[in-house]
């Protein structure tokens, strides 16, 4: 069964890599960047139901959003790796005369509390407070006047796949499901109403996210969702999988206490198994790293991925001993220019 899961990963990656490198889609992505220059990062949970590009109805091409993922969308700019990662993103934007939009998300289920975010014990208020703390931290680091970085509180309701845009305080909000049929002018008005100081260029570059989600929600209206609950059978630890992995929990390696996030993720997959939402025969844990250039960057990515695989399997053995032996460990690296996965060990 696990061999089939690994084959599924390879096939899915080959499909998505082919799309990413398709000449027409490559041109579309370049054109999008020209039309929408703001650099966008999204801080969101490892939850496999949260596929940011899919939630925009394909309006925002793959490769535009910088994904930052952890259990519960819990982050701390005091983590050295995360601080340096976001500093690089901001420096890159400044060097090219662009601005940064940081989508700080939380998620929940409107239909069943326990389909919500386990990272915050399914409490929506706790998830929102965590997101607001991160926004305050972003403002302390990059400026409260938002001269360069514009953090936005952004909810995702997983049952109906709808975005929820909040104002700076978190008090006022606009649910995209309630604006099905709204044109660009109305959606821009909503952005201006909730974020009156957001520069016009950033608001225009934020618009495709809302427009795409409105279209996505409208297309799904009346259909029975097939992924209301967790169905993940793959745990990915590291970077390079957010764009193409399906039915997977994705944990970036920014958190210095990574073993805790890995243990909680393994716990979610254990619940999936025990509830017969996935096969009891086994799952896959993939330690993943990415690289942008051949040579020493690729060699270094292999070292990182191997370490993440070892660390994650050890964490499961210590904190989720009943899952020891359930996961087949796989080590992989992803070439960022093609999104192509290369299996190093399995």
C-alpha atoms as a PDB file:
ATOM      1  CA  UNK A   1       0.000   0.000   0.000  1.00  0.00           C
ATOM      2  CA  UNK A   2       2.800   2.406   0.860  1.00  0.00           C
ATOM      3  CA  UNK A   3       4.432   1.662  -2.482  1.00  0.00           C
ATOM      4  CA  UNK A   4       1.210   2.896  -4.091  1.00  0.00           C
ATOM      5  CA  UNK A   5       1.343   6.065  -1.974  1.00  0.00           C
ATOM      6  CA  UNK A   6       4.914   6.744  -3.080  1.00  0.00           C
ATOM      7  CA  UNK A   7       3.901   6.152  -6.686  1.00  0.00           C
ATOM      8  CA  UNK A   8       1.007   8.579  -6.173  1.00  0.00           C
ATOM      9  CA  UNK A   9       3.429  11.225  -4.899  1.00  0.00           C
ATOM     10  CA  UNK A  10       5.747  10.744  -7.873  1.00  0.00           C
ATOM     11  CA  UNK A  11       2.907  10.777 -10.401  1.00  0.00           C
ATOM     12  CA  UNK A  12       1.252  13.830  -8.853  1.00  0.00           C
ATOM     13  CA  UNK A  13       4.561  15.686  -8.796  1.00  0.00           C
ATOM     14  CA  UNK A  14       5.303  14.766 -12.422  1.00  0.00           C
ATOM     15  CA  UNK A  15       1.878  16.080 -13.424  1.00  0.00           C
ATOM     16  CA  UNK A  16       2.274  19.345 -11.522  1.00  0.00           C
ATOM     17  CA  UNK A  17       5.891  19.837 -12.619  1.00  0.00           C
ATOM     18  CA  UNK A  18       4.767  19.387 -16.223  1.00  0.00           C
ATOM     19  CA  UNK A  19       2.119  22.056 -15.757  1.00  0.00           C
ATOM     20  CA  UNK A  20       4.529  24.396 -13.974  1.00  0.00           C
ATOM     21  CA  UNK A  21       7.065  24.210 -16.804  1.00  0.00           C
ATOM     22  CA  UNK A  22       4.510  24.274 -19.637  1.00  0.00           C
ATOM     23  CA  UNK A  23       5.483  27.156 -21.993  1.00  0.00           C
ATOM     24  CA  UNK A  24       2.015  28.691 -21.959  1.00  0.00           C
ATOM     25  CA  UNK A  25       1.631  28.495 -18.181  1.00  0.00           C
ATOM     26  CA  UNK A  26       5.158  29.823 -17.713  1.00  0.00           C
ATOM     27  CA  UNK A  27       4.247  32.828 -19.882  1.00  0.00           C
ATOM     28  CA  UNK A  28       1.008  33.280 -17.922  1.00  0.00           C
ATOM     29  CA  UNK A  29       2.909  33.282 -14.630  1.00  0.00           C
ATOM     30  CA  UNK A  30       5.426  35.838 -15.946  1.00  0.00           C
ATOM     31  CA  UNK A  31       2.602  38.021 -17.224  1.00  0.00           C
ATOM     32  CA  UNK A  32       0.823  37.761 -13.875  1.00  0.00           C
ATOM     33  CA  UNK A  33       3.956  38.940 -12.076  1.00  0.00           C
ATOM     34  CA  UNK A  34       4.178  41.916 -14.429  1.00  0.00           C
ATOM     35  CA  UNK A  35       0.526  42.819 -13.886  1.00  0.00           C
ATOM     36  CA  UNK A  36       0.608  42.108 -10.131  1.00  0.00           C
ATOM     37  CA  UNK A  37       4.093  42.958  -8.845  1.00  0.00           C
ATOM     38  CA  UNK A  38       3.389  42.739  -5.088  1.00  0.00           C
ATOM     39  CA  UNK A  39       5.260  39.855  -3.456  1.00  0.00           C
ATOM     40  CA  UNK A  40       2.769  37.683  -1.543  1.00  0.00           C
ATOM     41  CA  UNK A  41       3.487  35.312   1.351  1.00  0.00           C
ATOM     42  CA  UNK A  42       0.819  33.219   3.083  1.00  0.00           C
ATOM     43  CA  UNK A  43       1.224  31.958   6.629  1.00  0.00           C
ATOM     44  CA  UNK A  44      -1.103  28.999   7.007  1.00  0.00           C
ATOM     45  CA  UNK A  45      -1.638  25.673   8.692  1.00  0.00           C
ATOM     46  CA  UNK A  46      -0.192  22.341   7.596  1.00  0.00           C
ATOM     47  CA  UNK A  47      -3.774  21.135   7.005  1.00  0.00           C
ATOM     48  CA  UNK A  48      -4.021  19.227   3.710  1.00  0.00           C
ATOM     49  CA  UNK A  49      -7.386  20.872   2.933  1.00  0.00           C
ATOM     50  CA  UNK A  50      -5.751  24.284   2.633  1.00  0.00           C
ATOM     51  CA  UNK A  51      -4.584  24.590  -0.967  1.00  0.00           C
ATOM     52  CA  UNK A  52      -4.174  28.310  -1.514  1.00  0.00           C
ATOM     53  CA  UNK A  53      -3.954  28.246  -5.307  1.00  0.00           C
ATOM     54  CA  UNK A  54      -6.984  25.970  -5.540  1.00  0.00           C
ATOM     55  CA  UNK A  55      -8.972  28.223  -3.194  1.00  0.00           C
ATOM     56  CA  UNK A  56      -8.398  31.112  -5.598  1.00  0.00           C
ATOM     57  CA  UNK A  57     -10.010  29.073  -8.370  1.00  0.00           C
ATOM     58  CA  UNK A  58      -6.728  29.083 -10.285  1.00  0.00           C
ATOM     59  CA  UNK A  59      -6.877  32.879 -10.537  1.00  0.00           C
ATOM     60  CA  UNK A  60      -3.484  33.060  -8.807  1.00  0.00           C
ATOM     61  CA  UNK A  61      -0.981  30.838 -10.674  1.00  0.00           C
ATOM     62  CA  UNK A  62       1.213  28.297  -8.932  1.00  0.00           C
ATOM     63  CA  UNK A  63       4.536  29.811  -7.922  1.00  0.00           C
ATOM     64  CA  UNK A  64       3.204  33.263  -7.025  1.00  0.00           C
ATOM     65  CA  UNK A  65       2.547  32.681  -3.322  1.00  0.00           C
ATOM     66  CA  UNK A  66       5.418  32.070  -0.903  1.00  0.00           C
ATOM     67  CA  UNK A  67       3.928  29.362   1.369  1.00  0.00           C
ATOM     68  CA  UNK A  68       4.874  29.345   5.063  1.00  0.00           C
ATOM     69  CA  UNK A  69       3.317  26.399   6.900  1.00  0.00           C
ATOM     70  CA  UNK A  70       3.148  25.000  10.416  1.00  0.00           C
ATOM     71  CA  UNK A  71       0.594  23.323  12.628  1.00  0.00           C
ATOM     72  CA  UNK A  72      -2.164  25.769  13.566  1.00  0.00           C
ATOM     73  CA  UNK A  73      -0.461  28.494  11.512  1.00  0.00           C
ATOM     74  CA  UNK A  74       1.566  29.107  14.668  1.00  0.00           C
ATOM     75  CA  UNK A  75       4.687  31.131  13.886  1.00  0.00           C
ATOM     76  CA  UNK A  76       7.235  33.244  15.708  1.00  0.00           C
ATOM     77  CA  UNK A  77       9.603  35.689  14.019  1.00  0.00           C
ATOM     78  CA  UNK A  78      11.901  34.933  16.928  1.00  0.00           C
ATOM     79  CA  UNK A  79      12.686  31.672  15.125  1.00  0.00           C
ATOM     80  CA  UNK A  80      15.970  32.465  13.401  1.00  0.00           C
ATOM     81  CA  UNK A  81      15.189  30.471  10.264  1.00  0.00           C
ATOM     82  CA  UNK A  82      11.784  32.105   9.810  1.00  0.00           C
ATOM     83  CA  UNK A  83      13.099  35.599  10.538  1.00  0.00           C
ATOM     84  CA  UNK A  84      15.836  35.211   7.935  1.00  0.00           C
ATOM     85  CA  UNK A  85      13.409  33.712   5.420  1.00  0.00           C
ATOM     86  CA  UNK A  86      11.020  36.652   5.687  1.00  0.00           C
ATOM     87  CA  UNK A  87      13.862  39.172   5.668  1.00  0.00           C
ATOM     88  CA  UNK A  88      15.012  37.686   2.356  1.00  0.00           C
ATOM     89  CA  UNK A  89      11.482  38.000   0.978  1.00  0.00           C
ATOM     90  CA  UNK A  90      11.307  41.656   1.994  1.00  0.00           C
ATOM     91  CA  UNK A  91      14.813  42.447   0.735  1.00  0.00           C
ATOM     92  CA  UNK A  92      13.980  40.820  -2.601  1.00  0.00           C
ATOM     93  CA  UNK A  93      10.860  42.976  -2.966  1.00  0.00           C
ATOM     94  CA  UNK A  94      12.672  46.184  -2.008  1.00  0.00           C
ATOM     95  CA  UNK A  95      15.509  45.488  -4.444  1.00  0.00           C
ATOM     96  CA  UNK A  96      12.950  45.344  -7.272  1.00  0.00           C
ATOM     97  CA  UNK A  97      10.796  48.258  -6.200  1.00  0.00           C
ATOM     98  CA  UNK A  98       7.926  46.037  -5.020  1.00  0.00           C
ATOM     99  CA  UNK A  99       5.914  45.794  -1.807  1.00  0.00           C
ATOM    100  CA  UNK A 100       5.025  42.771   0.343  1.00  0.00           C
ATOM    101  CA  UNK A 101       1.590  41.418   1.200  1.00  0.00           C
ATOM    102  CA  UNK A 102       1.571  38.918   4.101  1.00  0.00           C
ATOM    103  CA  UNK A 103      -1.636  36.877   4.433  1.00  0.00           C
ATOM    104  CA  UNK A 104      -1.796  35.731   8.056  1.00  0.00           C
ATOM    105  CA  UNK A 105      -4.434  33.020   8.159  1.00  0.00           C
ATOM    106  CA  UNK A 106      -6.498  30.955  10.534  1.00  0.00           C
ATOM    107  CA  UNK A 107      -9.034  28.285   9.594  1.00  0.00           C
ATOM    108  CA  UNK A 108     -12.124  26.589  11.005  1.00  0.00           C
ATOM    109  CA  UNK A 109     -15.143  24.465  10.069  1.00  0.00           C
ATOM    110  CA  UNK A 110     -18.590  25.997  10.322  1.00  0.00           C
ATOM    111  CA  UNK A 111     -20.323  22.627  10.315  1.00  0.00           C
ATOM    112  CA  UNK A 112     -18.382  20.696  12.952  1.00  0.00           C
ATOM    113  CA  UNK A 113     -16.004  22.155  15.534  1.00  0.00           C
ATOM    114  CA  UNK A 114     -13.710  19.125  15.462  1.00  0.00           C
ATOM    115  CA  UNK A 115     -13.141  19.497  11.733  1.00  0.00           C
ATOM    116  CA  UNK A 116     -11.414  22.768  12.573  1.00  0.00           C
ATOM    117  CA  UNK A 117      -7.853  23.507  13.635  1.00  0.00           C
ATOM    118  CA  UNK A 118      -6.389  21.009  16.047  1.00  0.00           C
ATOM    119  CA  UNK A 119      -3.353  23.232  16.543  1.00  0.00           C
ATOM    120  CA  UNK A 120      -5.605  25.516  18.609  1.00  0.00           C
ATOM    121  CA  UNK A 121      -7.772  22.761  20.098  1.00  0.00           C
ATOM    122  CA  UNK A 122     -10.496  23.644  17.574  1.00  0.00           C
ATOM    123  CA  UNK A 123     -11.040  27.084  19.171  1.00  0.00           C
ATOM    124  CA  UNK A 124     -11.574  29.739  16.487  1.00  0.00           C
ATOM    125  CA  UNK A 125     -10.929  32.610  18.903  1.00  0.00           C
ATOM    126  CA  UNK A 126      -7.563  31.110  19.878  1.00  0.00           C
ATOM    127  CA  UNK A 127      -6.593  30.743  16.219  1.00  0.00           C
ATOM    128  CA  UNK A 128      -7.538  34.369  15.522  1.00  0.00           C
ATOM    129  CA  UNK A 129      -5.615  35.613  18.544  1.00  0.00           C
ATOM    130  CA  UNK A 130      -2.547  33.692  17.398  1.00  0.00           C
ATOM    131  CA  UNK A 131      -2.813  35.269  13.947  1.00  0.00           C
ATOM    132  CA  UNK A 132      -3.205  38.747  15.444  1.00  0.00           C
ATOM    133  CA  UNK A 133      -0.103  38.191  17.586  1.00  0.00           C
ATOM    134  CA  UNK A 134       1.865  37.308  14.467  1.00  0.00           C
ATOM    135  CA  UNK A 135       0.576  40.441  12.726  1.00  0.00           C
ATOM    136  CA  UNK A 136       1.703  42.555  15.702  1.00  0.00           C
ATOM    137  CA  UNK A 137       5.102  40.884  15.526  1.00  0.00           C
ATOM    138  CA  UNK A 138       5.361  41.513  11.775  1.00  0.00           C
ATOM    139  CA  UNK A 139       4.576  45.173  12.437  1.00  0.00           C
ATOM    140  CA  UNK A 140       7.243  45.418  15.152  1.00  0.00           C
ATOM    141  CA  UNK A 141       9.851  43.957  12.817  1.00  0.00           C
ATOM    142  CA  UNK A 142       8.890  45.539   9.474  1.00  0.00           C
ATOM    143  CA  UNK A 143       7.095  48.719  10.560  1.00  0.00           C
ATOM    144  CA  UNK A 144       3.709  49.624  12.019  1.00  0.00           C
ATOM    145  CA  UNK A 145       3.166  52.177   9.265  1.00  0.00           C
ATOM    146  CA  UNK A 146       3.137  49.399   6.631  1.00  0.00           C
ATOM    147  CA  UNK A 147       5.477  51.343   4.381  1.00  0.00           C
ATOM    148  CA  UNK A 148       6.760  48.067   2.884  1.00  0.00           C
ATOM    149  CA  UNK A 149       4.990  45.075   4.441  1.00  0.00           C
ATOM    150  CA  UNK A 150       1.199  44.846   4.601  1.00  0.00           C
ATOM    151  CA  UNK A 151      -0.019  42.066   6.943  1.00  0.00           C
ATOM    152  CA  UNK A 152      -3.673  41.034   6.598  1.00  0.00           C
ATOM    153  CA  UNK A 153      -5.779  38.817   8.883  1.00  0.00           C
ATOM    154  CA  UNK A 154      -7.296  36.212   6.605  1.00  0.00           C
ATOM    155  CA  UNK A 155      -9.723  33.451   7.584  1.00  0.00           C
ATOM    156  CA  UNK A 156     -10.477  30.232   5.682  1.00  0.00           C
ATOM    157  CA  UNK A 157     -13.694  28.308   6.369  1.00  0.00           C
ATOM    158  CA  UNK A 158     -12.912  24.797   5.168  1.00  0.00           C
ATOM    159  CA  UNK A 159     -16.448  23.412   4.694  1.00  0.00           C
ATOM    160  CA  UNK A 160     -17.475  26.043   2.167  1.00  0.00           C
ATOM    161  CA  UNK A 161     -13.922  26.884   1.001  1.00  0.00           C
ATOM    162  CA  UNK A 162     -14.543  30.584   1.556  1.00  0.00           C
ATOM    163  CA  UNK A 163     -12.072  33.343   2.415  1.00  0.00           C
ATOM    164  CA  UNK A 164     -12.831  35.810   5.199  1.00  0.00           C
ATOM    165  CA  UNK A 165     -11.107  39.182   5.020  1.00  0.00           C
ATOM    166  CA  UNK A 166     -10.715  41.099   8.304  1.00  0.00           C
ATOM    167  CA  UNK A 167      -9.747  44.649   9.153  1.00  0.00           C
ATOM    168  CA  UNK A 168      -6.606  45.403  11.184  1.00  0.00           C
ATOM    169  CA  UNK A 169      -8.365  44.900  14.529  1.00  0.00           C
ATOM    170  CA  UNK A 170      -9.998  41.637  13.501  1.00  0.00           C
ATOM    171  CA  UNK A 171     -13.407  43.066  14.432  1.00  0.00           C
ATOM    172  CA  UNK A 172     -14.894  43.834  11.007  1.00  0.00           C
ATOM    173  CA  UNK A 173     -14.924  41.249   8.268  1.00  0.00           C
ATOM    174  CA  UNK A 174     -16.190  40.309   4.822  1.00  0.00           C
ATOM    175  CA  UNK A 175     -17.048  36.694   3.952  1.00  0.00           C
ATOM    176  CA  UNK A 176     -16.483  36.031   0.258  1.00  0.00           C
ATOM    177  CA  UNK A 177     -19.353  33.534   0.168  1.00  0.00           C
ATOM    178  CA  UNK A 178     -21.664  36.479   0.844  1.00  0.00           C
ATOM    179  CA  UNK A 179     -20.292  38.357  -2.170  1.00  0.00           C
ATOM    180  CA  UNK A 180     -20.805  35.796  -4.929  1.00  0.00           C
ATOM    181  CA  UNK A 181     -21.475  37.772  -8.099  1.00  0.00           C
ATOM    182  CA  UNK A 182     -19.603  40.869  -6.909  1.00  0.00           C
ATOM    183  CA  UNK A 183     -17.581  42.595  -9.614  1.00  0.00           C
ATOM    184  CA  UNK A 184     -14.019  43.884  -9.288  1.00  0.00           C
ATOM    185  CA  UNK A 185     -15.167  47.362  -8.270  1.00  0.00           C
ATOM    186  CA  UNK A 186     -17.180  46.001  -5.344  1.00  0.00           C
ATOM    187  CA  UNK A 187     -14.365  43.710  -4.222  1.00  0.00           C
ATOM    188  CA  UNK A 188     -11.910  46.623  -4.317  1.00  0.00           C
ATOM    189  CA  UNK A 189     -14.376  48.643  -2.261  1.00  0.00           C
ATOM    190  CA  UNK A 190     -14.384  45.866   0.351  1.00  0.00           C
ATOM    191  CA  UNK A 191     -10.583  45.930   0.491  1.00  0.00           C
ATOM    192  CA  UNK A 192     -10.582  49.728   0.867  1.00  0.00           C
ATOM    193  CA  UNK A 193     -13.309  49.633   3.523  1.00  0.00           C
ATOM    194  CA  UNK A 194     -11.367  47.168   5.665  1.00  0.00           C
ATOM    195  CA  UNK A 195      -7.874  48.432   4.790  1.00  0.00           C
ATOM    196  CA  UNK A 196      -8.203  52.137   3.915  1.00  0.00           C
ATOM    197  CA  UNK A 197      -4.441  52.794   4.068  1.00  0.00           C
ATOM    198  CA  UNK A 198      -3.467  49.921   1.769  1.00  0.00           C
ATOM    199  CA  UNK A 199      -1.751  51.356  -1.336  1.00  0.00           C
ATOM    200  CA  UNK A 200      -3.668  51.053  -4.581  1.00  0.00           C
ATOM    201  CA  UNK A 201      -1.091  48.754  -6.185  1.00  0.00           C
ATOM    202  CA  UNK A 202      -1.236  46.304  -3.256  1.00  0.00           C
ATOM    203  CA  UNK A 203      -5.048  46.355  -3.241  1.00  0.00           C
ATOM    204  CA  UNK A 204      -5.087  45.661  -6.988  1.00  0.00           C
ATOM    205  CA  UNK A 205      -2.702  42.749  -6.468  1.00  0.00           C
ATOM    206  CA  UNK A 206      -4.844  41.435  -3.590  1.00  0.00           C
ATOM    207  CA  UNK A 207      -7.959  41.545  -5.778  1.00  0.00           C
ATOM    208  CA  UNK A 208      -7.284  38.273  -7.709  1.00  0.00           C
ATOM    209  CA  UNK A 209      -7.322  36.334  -4.427  1.00  0.00           C
ATOM    210  CA  UNK A 210     -10.822  37.560  -3.581  1.00  0.00           C
ATOM    211  CA  UNK A 211     -12.124  37.405  -7.155  1.00  0.00           C
ATOM    212  CA  UNK A 212     -10.810  33.876  -7.571  1.00  0.00           C
ATOM    213  CA  UNK A 213     -12.282  32.699  -4.274  1.00  0.00           C
ATOM    214  CA  UNK A 214     -15.685  34.198  -5.072  1.00  0.00           C
ATOM    215  CA  UNK A 215     -15.674  32.280  -8.365  1.00  0.00           C
ATOM    216  CA  UNK A 216     -14.441  29.115  -6.634  1.00  0.00           C
ATOM    217  CA  UNK A 217     -17.185  29.306  -3.995  1.00  0.00           C
ATOM    218  CA  UNK A 218     -19.834  30.001  -6.641  1.00  0.00           C
ATOM    219  CA  UNK A 219     -18.739  26.981  -8.688  1.00  0.00           C
ATOM    220  CA  UNK A 220     -18.911  24.747  -5.601  1.00  0.00           C
ATOM    221  CA  UNK A 221     -22.349  25.942  -4.451  1.00  0.00           C
ATOM    222  CA  UNK A 222     -24.804  23.060  -4.331  1.00  0.00           C
ATOM    223  CA  UNK A 223     -22.109  20.405  -4.581  1.00  0.00           C
ATOM    224  CA  UNK A 224     -21.352  17.974  -1.750  1.00  0.00           C
ATOM    225  CA  UNK A 225     -17.781  18.549  -0.504  1.00  0.00           C
ATOM    226  CA  UNK A 226     -15.737  15.370  -0.487  1.00  0.00           C
ATOM    227  CA  UNK A 227     -12.968  16.550   1.836  1.00  0.00           C
ATOM    228  CA  UNK A 228     -14.763  18.107   4.784  1.00  0.00           C
ATOM    229  CA  UNK A 229     -12.639  16.133   7.224  1.00  0.00           C
ATOM    230  CA  UNK A 230      -8.972  15.234   7.353  1.00  0.00           C
ATOM    231  CA  UNK A 231      -8.017  12.474   4.905  1.00  0.00           C
ATOM    232  CA  UNK A 232      -4.242  12.917   4.924  1.00  0.00           C
ATOM    233  CA  UNK A 233      -2.062   9.808   4.736  1.00  0.00           C
ATOM    234  CA  UNK A 234       1.215  11.606   3.951  1.00  0.00           C
ATOM    235  CA  UNK A 235       3.284  13.733   6.315  1.00  0.00           C
ATOM    236  CA  UNK A 236       5.734  16.070   4.581  1.00  0.00           C
ATOM    237  CA  UNK A 237       8.390  17.775   6.692  1.00  0.00           C
ATOM    238  CA  UNK A 238      10.379  20.497   4.969  1.00  0.00           C
ATOM    239  CA  UNK A 239       9.966  22.831   2.006  1.00  0.00           C
ATOM    240  CA  UNK A 240       9.073  22.216  -1.592  1.00  0.00           C
ATOM    241  CA  UNK A 241       5.793  20.327  -1.309  1.00  0.00           C
ATOM    242  CA  UNK A 242       3.132  22.972  -0.775  1.00  0.00           C
ATOM    243  CA  UNK A 243       2.456  23.515  -4.480  1.00  0.00           C
ATOM    244  CA  UNK A 244       1.757  19.923  -5.498  1.00  0.00           C
ATOM    245  CA  UNK A 245       1.161  17.587  -2.560  1.00  0.00           C
ATOM    246  CA  UNK A 246      -2.372  16.212  -2.100  1.00  0.00           C
ATOM    247  CA  UNK A 247      -3.815  14.525   0.978  1.00  0.00           C
ATOM    248  CA  UNK A 248      -0.742  15.554   2.943  1.00  0.00           C
ATOM    249  CA  UNK A 249       0.089  17.460   6.091  1.00  0.00           C
ATOM    250  CA  UNK A 250       2.933  19.875   5.313  1.00  0.00           C
ATOM    251  CA  UNK A 251       5.195  21.176   8.087  1.00  0.00           C
ATOM    252  CA  UNK A 252       7.958  23.627   7.180  1.00  0.00           C
ATOM    253  CA  UNK A 253      11.251  23.316   9.033  1.00  0.00           C
ATOM    254  CA  UNK A 254      11.372  26.855  10.475  1.00  0.00           C
ATOM    255  CA  UNK A 255      10.270  25.863  13.991  1.00  0.00           C
ATOM    256  CA  UNK A 256      13.280  25.034  16.210  1.00  0.00           C
ATOM    257  CA  UNK A 257      10.983  22.655  18.150  1.00  0.00           C
ATOM    258  CA  UNK A 258      10.029  20.788  15.024  1.00  0.00           C
ATOM    259  CA  UNK A 259       9.502  17.451  16.749  1.00  0.00           C
ATOM    260  CA  UNK A 260       6.396  18.755  18.525  1.00  0.00           C
ATOM    261  CA  UNK A 261       4.741  19.748  15.240  1.00  0.00           C
ATOM    262  CA  UNK A 262       5.707  16.414  13.678  1.00  0.00           C
ATOM    263  CA  UNK A 263       4.255  14.511  16.628  1.00  0.00           C
ATOM    264  CA  UNK A 264       0.954  16.398  16.411  1.00  0.00           C
ATOM    265  CA  UNK A 265       0.788  15.845  12.666  1.00  0.00           C
ATOM    266  CA  UNK A 266       1.358  12.124  13.180  1.00  0.00           C
ATOM    267  CA  UNK A 267      -1.467  12.229  15.720  1.00  0.00           C
ATOM    268  CA  UNK A 268      -3.847  13.625  13.102  1.00  0.00           C
ATOM    269  CA  UNK A 269      -2.908  10.858  10.689  1.00  0.00           C
ATOM    270  CA  UNK A 270      -3.412   8.327  13.494  1.00  0.00           C
ATOM    271  CA  UNK A 271      -6.943   9.676  13.962  1.00  0.00           C
ATOM    272  CA  UNK A 272      -7.509   9.391  10.203  1.00  0.00           C
ATOM    273  CA  UNK A 273      -6.415   5.761  10.360  1.00  0.00           C
ATOM    274  CA  UNK A 274      -8.465   4.896  13.436  1.00  0.00           C
ATOM    275  CA  UNK A 275     -11.567   6.498  11.877  1.00  0.00           C
ATOM    276  CA  UNK A 276     -10.983   4.461   8.687  1.00  0.00           C
ATOM    277  CA  UNK A 277     -10.647   7.617   6.600  1.00  0.00           C
ATOM    278  CA  UNK A 278      -7.355   6.226   5.280  1.00  0.00           C
ATOM    279  CA  UNK A 279      -5.857   2.778   4.903  1.00  0.00           C
ATOM    280  CA  UNK A 280      -4.615   1.058   8.051  1.00  0.00           C
ATOM    281  CA  UNK A 281      -1.780  -0.502   6.092  1.00  0.00           C
ATOM    282  CA  UNK A 282       0.509   2.481   6.350  1.00  0.00           C
ATOM    283  CA  UNK A 283       1.355   6.036   5.379  1.00  0.00           C
ATOM    284  CA  UNK A 284       4.364   7.911   4.059  1.00  0.00           C
ATOM    285  CA  UNK A 285       6.627  10.401   5.786  1.00  0.00           C
ATOM    286  CA  UNK A 286       8.725  12.438   3.385  1.00  0.00           C
ATOM    287  CA  UNK A 287      11.600  14.629   4.471  1.00  0.00           C
ATOM    288  CA  UNK A 288      11.837  17.284   1.784  1.00  0.00           C
ATOM    289  CA  UNK A 289      14.180  20.102   0.868  1.00  0.00           C
ATOM    290  CA  UNK A 290      14.346  22.394  -2.152  1.00  0.00           C
ATOM    291  CA  UNK A 291      17.107  24.081  -4.105  1.00  0.00           C
ATOM    292  CA  UNK A 292      17.362  26.718  -6.810  1.00  0.00           C
ATOM    293  CA  UNK A 293      20.766  25.959  -8.339  1.00  0.00           C
ATOM    294  CA  UNK A 294      22.640  22.806  -9.260  1.00  0.00           C
ATOM    295  CA  UNK A 295      25.910  21.997  -7.545  1.00  0.00           C
ATOM    296  CA  UNK A 296      26.419  22.656  -3.859  1.00  0.00           C
ATOM    297  CA  UNK A 297      22.812  23.837  -3.344  1.00  0.00           C
ATOM    298  CA  UNK A 298      21.529  20.459  -4.515  1.00  0.00           C
ATOM    299  CA  UNK A 299      24.079  18.637  -2.358  1.00  0.00           C
ATOM    300  CA  UNK A 300      23.100  20.733   0.638  1.00  0.00           C
ATOM    301  CA  UNK A 301      19.401  20.074   0.020  1.00  0.00           C
ATOM    302  CA  UNK A 302      20.090  16.329   0.204  1.00  0.00           C
ATOM    303  CA  UNK A 303      21.751  16.765   3.607  1.00  0.00           C
ATOM    304  CA  UNK A 304      18.810  18.821   4.909  1.00  0.00           C
ATOM    305  CA  UNK A 305      16.205  16.376   3.610  1.00  0.00           C
ATOM    306  CA  UNK A 306      18.014  13.380   5.108  1.00  0.00           C
ATOM    307  CA  UNK A 307      18.209  15.119   8.474  1.00  0.00           C
ATOM    308  CA  UNK A 308      14.506  15.992   8.374  1.00  0.00           C
ATOM    309  CA  UNK A 309      13.594  12.378   7.633  1.00  0.00           C
ATOM    310  CA  UNK A 310      15.704  11.117  10.548  1.00  0.00           C
ATOM    311  CA  UNK A 311      14.456  13.796  12.947  1.00  0.00           C
ATOM    312  CA  UNK A 312      10.825  13.203  12.040  1.00  0.00           C
ATOM    313  CA  UNK A 313      10.964   9.430  12.368  1.00  0.00           C
ATOM    314  CA  UNK A 314      12.695   9.798  15.738  1.00  0.00           C
ATOM    315  CA  UNK A 315      10.033  12.285  16.886  1.00  0.00           C
ATOM    316  CA  UNK A 316       7.257   9.858  15.964  1.00  0.00           C
ATOM    317  CA  UNK A 317       9.019   7.029  17.795  1.00  0.00           C
ATOM    318  CA  UNK A 318       9.326   9.154  20.949  1.00  0.00           C
ATOM    319  CA  UNK A 319       5.985  10.980  20.970  1.00  0.00           C
ATOM    320  CA  UNK A 320       3.658   8.693  18.970  1.00  0.00           C
ATOM    321  CA  UNK A 321       5.046   5.211  19.708  1.00  0.00           C
ATOM    322  CA  UNK A 322       1.885   3.485  18.482  1.00  0.00           C
ATOM    323  CA  UNK A 323       2.622   4.985  15.040  1.00  0.00           C
ATOM    324  CA  UNK A 324       6.166   3.610  14.973  1.00  0.00           C
ATOM    325  CA  UNK A 325       6.258   1.347  11.934  1.00  0.00           C
ATOM    326  CA  UNK A 326       3.179   2.905  10.307  1.00  0.00           C
ATOM    327  CA  UNK A 327       5.133   5.382   8.170  1.00  0.00           C
ATOM    328  CA  UNK A 328       7.446   4.462   5.340  1.00  0.00           C
ATOM    329  CA  UNK A 329      10.236   7.082   5.358  1.00  0.00           C
ATOM    330  CA  UNK A 330      11.114   8.780   2.071  1.00  0.00           C
ATOM    331  CA  UNK A 331      13.735  11.444   1.439  1.00  0.00           C
ATOM    332  CA  UNK A 332      13.328  13.804  -1.488  1.00  0.00           C
ATOM    333  CA  UNK A 333      14.536  17.087  -2.957  1.00  0.00           C
ATOM    334  CA  UNK A 334      12.697  19.488  -5.254  1.00  0.00           C
ATOM    335  CA  UNK A 335      14.269  21.665  -7.947  1.00  0.00           C
ATOM    336  CA  UNK A 336      12.465  24.989  -7.604  1.00  0.00           C
ATOM    337  CA  UNK A 337      12.812  25.980 -11.244  1.00  0.00           C
ATOM    338  CA  UNK A 338      10.809  22.951 -12.365  1.00  0.00           C
ATOM    339  CA  UNK A 339       9.100  21.836  -9.116  1.00  0.00           C
ATOM    340  CA  UNK A 340      10.446  18.372  -9.991  1.00  0.00           C
ATOM    341  CA  UNK A 341      10.754  15.845  -7.175  1.00  0.00           C
ATOM    342  CA  UNK A 342      13.805  13.587  -6.961  1.00  0.00           C
ATOM    343  CA  UNK A 343      13.625  10.664  -4.537  1.00  0.00           C
ATOM    344  CA  UNK A 344      16.963  10.209  -2.771  1.00  0.00           C
ATOM    345  CA  UNK A 345      16.037   7.387  -0.399  1.00  0.00           C
ATOM    346  CA  UNK A 346      12.957   5.294   0.346  1.00  0.00           C
END
